[in-house]
């Protein structure tokens, strides 16, 4: 699911993004308690929206290097 026109003041830049680099992944909590993930260089395209549990599972899988391809 994607969402558009999210408040710009709620975006949080990844701590792994370089300060001088304009392009990064950003996230914000939505008013309906979902997690929005967007590209700072392409905000007009909208953001992907996930449940907190789905986002936590994805991040955990990346950190543990256990992410499997979808078949």
N, C-alpha and C. Protein backbone atom coordinates (compact mmCIF):
# COMPACT_ATOMS: atom_id res chain seq x y z
N UNK A 1 0.84 -1.16 0.00
CA UNK A 1 0.00 0.00 0.00
C UNK A 1 0.90 1.24 0.00
N UNK A 2 0.48 2.25 -0.71
CA UNK A 2 1.21 3.52 -0.71
C UNK A 2 0.30 4.63 -0.20
N UNK A 3 0.95 5.66 0.29
CA UNK A 3 0.21 6.81 0.79
C UNK A 3 0.92 8.07 0.32
N UNK A 4 0.14 9.08 -0.01
CA UNK A 4 0.66 10.36 -0.50
C UNK A 4 0.31 11.49 0.47
N UNK A 5 0.97 12.61 0.30
CA UNK A 5 0.70 13.84 1.05
C UNK A 5 0.85 13.67 2.56
N UNK A 6 1.89 12.95 2.97
CA UNK A 6 2.16 12.82 4.40
C UNK A 6 2.86 14.09 4.89
N UNK A 7 2.68 14.46 6.15
CA UNK A 7 3.28 15.69 6.66
C UNK A 7 4.81 15.66 6.58
N UNK A 8 5.38 16.69 5.97
CA UNK A 8 6.84 16.71 5.78
C UNK A 8 7.60 16.85 7.10
N UNK A 9 7.02 17.46 8.10
CA UNK A 9 7.73 17.66 9.37
C UNK A 9 7.84 16.37 10.20
N UNK A 10 7.16 15.32 9.81
CA UNK A 10 7.22 14.06 10.56
C UNK A 10 8.26 13.08 10.04
N UNK A 11 8.87 13.37 8.91
CA UNK A 11 9.86 12.45 8.36
C UNK A 11 11.11 12.42 9.23
N UNK A 12 11.66 11.22 9.42
CA UNK A 12 12.92 11.03 10.15
C UNK A 12 13.90 10.33 9.22
N UNK A 13 15.06 10.95 9.04
CA UNK A 13 16.08 10.39 8.15
C UNK A 13 16.84 9.27 8.86
N UNK A 14 17.23 8.27 8.11
CA UNK A 14 18.02 7.17 8.64
C UNK A 14 19.33 7.68 9.24
N UNK A 15 19.74 7.11 10.35
CA UNK A 15 21.01 7.49 10.98
C UNK A 15 22.19 7.05 10.12
N UNK A 16 21.97 6.17 9.16
CA UNK A 16 23.03 5.71 8.27
C UNK A 16 23.21 6.63 7.07
N UNK A 17 22.33 7.59 6.90
CA UNK A 17 22.43 8.52 5.78
C UNK A 17 23.47 9.59 6.08
N UNK A 18 24.23 9.93 5.08
CA UNK A 18 25.23 10.97 5.24
C UNK A 18 24.55 12.34 5.31
N UNK A 19 25.09 13.22 6.11
CA UNK A 19 24.48 14.55 6.30
C UNK A 19 24.40 15.33 5.00
N UNK A 20 25.43 15.24 4.15
CA UNK A 20 25.44 16.02 2.91
C UNK A 20 24.68 15.32 1.78
N UNK A 21 24.30 14.08 1.97
CA UNK A 21 23.60 13.33 0.94
C UNK A 21 22.10 13.62 1.02
N UNK A 22 21.54 14.17 -0.03
CA UNK A 22 20.12 14.52 -0.03
C UNK A 22 19.22 13.30 -0.18
N UNK A 23 19.73 12.22 -0.74
CA UNK A 23 18.92 11.05 -0.98
C UNK A 23 19.04 10.03 0.12
N UNK A 24 17.91 9.70 0.73
CA UNK A 24 17.95 8.70 1.78
C UNK A 24 16.55 8.14 1.98
N UNK A 25 16.51 7.08 2.74
CA UNK A 25 15.24 6.50 3.15
C UNK A 25 14.80 7.21 4.43
N UNK A 26 13.54 7.57 4.46
CA UNK A 26 12.98 8.22 5.64
C UNK A 26 11.76 7.44 6.12
N UNK A 27 11.45 7.60 7.39
CA UNK A 27 10.26 6.94 7.93
C UNK A 27 9.49 7.91 8.80
N UNK A 28 8.22 7.58 8.98
CA UNK A 28 7.39 8.32 9.92
C UNK A 28 6.24 7.44 10.37
N UNK A 29 5.77 7.71 11.56
CA UNK A 29 4.56 7.04 12.06
C UNK A 29 3.37 7.85 11.56
N UNK A 30 2.39 7.15 11.04
CA UNK A 30 1.19 7.83 10.54
C UNK A 30 0.19 8.01 11.68
N UNK A 31 -0.79 8.85 11.46
CA UNK A 31 -1.79 9.09 12.49
C UNK A 31 -2.59 7.84 12.82
N UNK A 32 -2.70 6.91 11.88
CA UNK A 32 -3.42 5.67 12.14
C UNK A 32 -2.48 4.54 12.57
N UNK A 33 -1.30 4.93 13.09
CA UNK A 33 -0.34 4.02 13.72
C UNK A 33 0.30 3.01 12.78
N UNK A 34 0.51 3.41 11.55
CA UNK A 34 1.26 2.59 10.61
C UNK A 34 2.64 3.20 10.44
N UNK A 35 3.52 2.50 9.75
CA UNK A 35 4.88 2.98 9.49
C UNK A 35 4.99 3.31 8.01
N UNK A 36 5.31 4.56 7.70
CA UNK A 36 5.48 4.99 6.31
C UNK A 36 6.97 5.07 6.02
N UNK A 37 7.38 4.51 4.86
CA UNK A 37 8.77 4.51 4.42
C UNK A 37 8.82 5.18 3.06
N UNK A 38 9.65 6.21 2.94
CA UNK A 38 9.73 6.95 1.70
C UNK A 38 11.14 7.31 1.30
N UNK A 39 11.28 7.74 0.06
CA UNK A 39 12.55 8.19 -0.50
C UNK A 39 12.55 9.72 -0.47
N UNK A 40 13.53 10.31 0.19
CA UNK A 40 13.56 11.76 0.33
C UNK A 40 13.66 12.48 -1.02
N UNK A 41 14.20 11.82 -2.04
CA UNK A 41 14.33 12.44 -3.37
C UNK A 41 13.07 12.26 -4.22
N UNK A 42 12.14 11.44 -3.75
CA UNK A 42 10.96 11.15 -4.57
C UNK A 42 9.68 11.20 -3.74
N UNK A 43 9.54 12.18 -2.91
CA UNK A 43 8.35 12.27 -2.07
C UNK A 43 7.04 12.34 -2.85
N UNK A 44 7.01 12.97 -4.03
CA UNK A 44 5.75 12.99 -4.79
C UNK A 44 5.25 11.58 -5.17
N UNK A 45 6.15 10.62 -5.18
CA UNK A 45 5.73 9.24 -5.49
C UNK A 45 4.98 8.58 -4.35
N UNK A 46 5.02 9.18 -3.17
CA UNK A 46 4.35 8.62 -2.01
C UNK A 46 5.29 7.75 -1.20
N UNK A 47 4.72 7.08 -0.22
CA UNK A 47 5.49 6.23 0.68
C UNK A 47 4.80 4.88 0.82
N UNK A 48 5.59 3.86 1.01
CA UNK A 48 5.04 2.55 1.32
C UNK A 48 4.61 2.56 2.78
N UNK A 49 3.49 1.92 3.09
CA UNK A 49 2.97 1.91 4.45
C UNK A 49 2.83 0.46 4.92
N UNK A 50 3.33 0.22 6.13
CA UNK A 50 3.34 -1.12 6.71
C UNK A 50 2.78 -1.08 8.13
N UNK A 51 2.30 -2.22 8.59
CA UNK A 51 1.95 -2.33 10.02
C UNK A 51 3.26 -2.32 10.80
N UNK A 52 3.23 -1.89 12.06
CA UNK A 52 4.46 -1.93 12.86
C UNK A 52 5.06 -3.33 12.96
N UNK A 53 4.22 -4.35 13.06
CA UNK A 53 4.72 -5.73 13.15
C UNK A 53 5.42 -6.15 11.86
N UNK A 54 4.86 -5.82 10.72
CA UNK A 54 5.47 -6.18 9.44
C UNK A 54 6.80 -5.46 9.27
N UNK A 55 6.86 -4.18 9.63
CA UNK A 55 8.10 -3.42 9.50
C UNK A 55 9.17 -3.98 10.45
N UNK A 56 8.79 -4.29 11.68
CA UNK A 56 9.73 -4.85 12.65
C UNK A 56 10.28 -6.19 12.18
N UNK A 57 9.44 -7.02 11.59
CA UNK A 57 9.89 -8.31 11.07
C UNK A 57 10.88 -8.11 9.93
N UNK A 58 10.60 -7.17 9.03
CA UNK A 58 11.51 -6.88 7.93
C UNK A 58 12.87 -6.40 8.45
N UNK A 59 12.86 -5.43 9.36
CA UNK A 59 14.11 -4.90 9.90
C UNK A 59 14.90 -5.99 10.64
N UNK A 60 14.21 -6.80 11.42
CA UNK A 60 14.87 -7.90 12.14
C UNK A 60 15.52 -8.87 11.15
N UNK A 61 14.81 -9.19 10.07
CA UNK A 61 15.35 -10.11 9.06
C UNK A 61 16.59 -9.55 8.38
N UNK A 62 16.60 -8.25 8.11
CA UNK A 62 17.77 -7.61 7.52
C UNK A 62 18.94 -7.66 8.48
N UNK A 63 18.70 -7.31 9.74
CA UNK A 63 19.78 -7.30 10.73
C UNK A 63 20.38 -8.68 10.95
N UNK A 64 19.55 -9.71 10.92
CA UNK A 64 20.01 -11.08 11.16
C UNK A 64 20.42 -11.80 9.88
N UNK A 65 20.32 -11.09 8.74
CA UNK A 65 20.66 -11.66 7.43
C UNK A 65 19.87 -12.94 7.15
N UNK A 66 18.58 -12.91 7.47
CA UNK A 66 17.72 -14.06 7.24
C UNK A 66 16.59 -13.77 6.26
N UNK A 67 16.66 -12.63 5.58
CA UNK A 67 15.62 -12.27 4.62
C UNK A 67 15.65 -13.25 3.45
N UNK A 68 14.50 -13.80 3.14
CA UNK A 68 14.39 -14.77 2.06
C UNK A 68 13.60 -14.16 0.90
N UNK A 69 13.96 -14.53 -0.33
CA UNK A 69 13.21 -14.00 -1.48
C UNK A 69 11.78 -14.52 -1.49
N UNK A 70 10.87 -13.71 -2.00
CA UNK A 70 9.48 -14.12 -2.15
C UNK A 70 9.38 -14.95 -3.42
N UNK A 71 8.74 -16.06 -3.32
CA UNK A 71 8.59 -16.96 -4.49
C UNK A 71 7.17 -17.02 -4.93
